[in-house]
Amino acid sequence: MLIINLKSAGISRGARYAIAICIGVPAMLCSFGVLTCICSWLKTRADETVADFEALAGSRPTSVLGLDRPTIESYPKIVIGENRRLPKKDEKMCSICLSEYIPKETVKSIPECGHCFHAQCIDEWLPLNASCPICRTSPRKFPQPRARSST
């Protein structure tokens, strides 16, 4: 093994620093690269292990947090007239399908917030998501009956 004493070899202090940097920086970069590869390999192995475990355990049951059909069917339906006016005057399109409302379409209103959507769109949305697509208000499972006027 050859050990060179740079001090006795007549090399200046600046040259010794340059040699140390020229050897040290690439060595650190190589070490960093090797560590990155090892971490990546370990993460891939962990992901494969989790996938294997889930395959052995069977698929997890999906949980649906939406509303039931009777509740959804109880929501008020509105047929849009020629003037295309809805209870909330700034609503011009369905926020679920992003289509404009056209006359004679049926829309449903969520009682708690009053937002309207195409009946078909909200009928598909609410069984999967128990909240209004616009304001995220959570409708009650069983809507309160509306008070009837005595006039």
Foldseek 3Di string as FASTA:
>chain_A
DDDDDCVVVPDDPVVVVVVCCVPVVVVVVVVVVVVVVVVVVVVVVVVVVVVVVCVVVDPDDDDAPFADDVQLVPFDKDFQAQVRAFPPRVDQAAPQVRHGDHGRFIWTAQVVPGDIHRSVRVSVVRRRQQADPPPRHGGDNHDDDDDDDPD
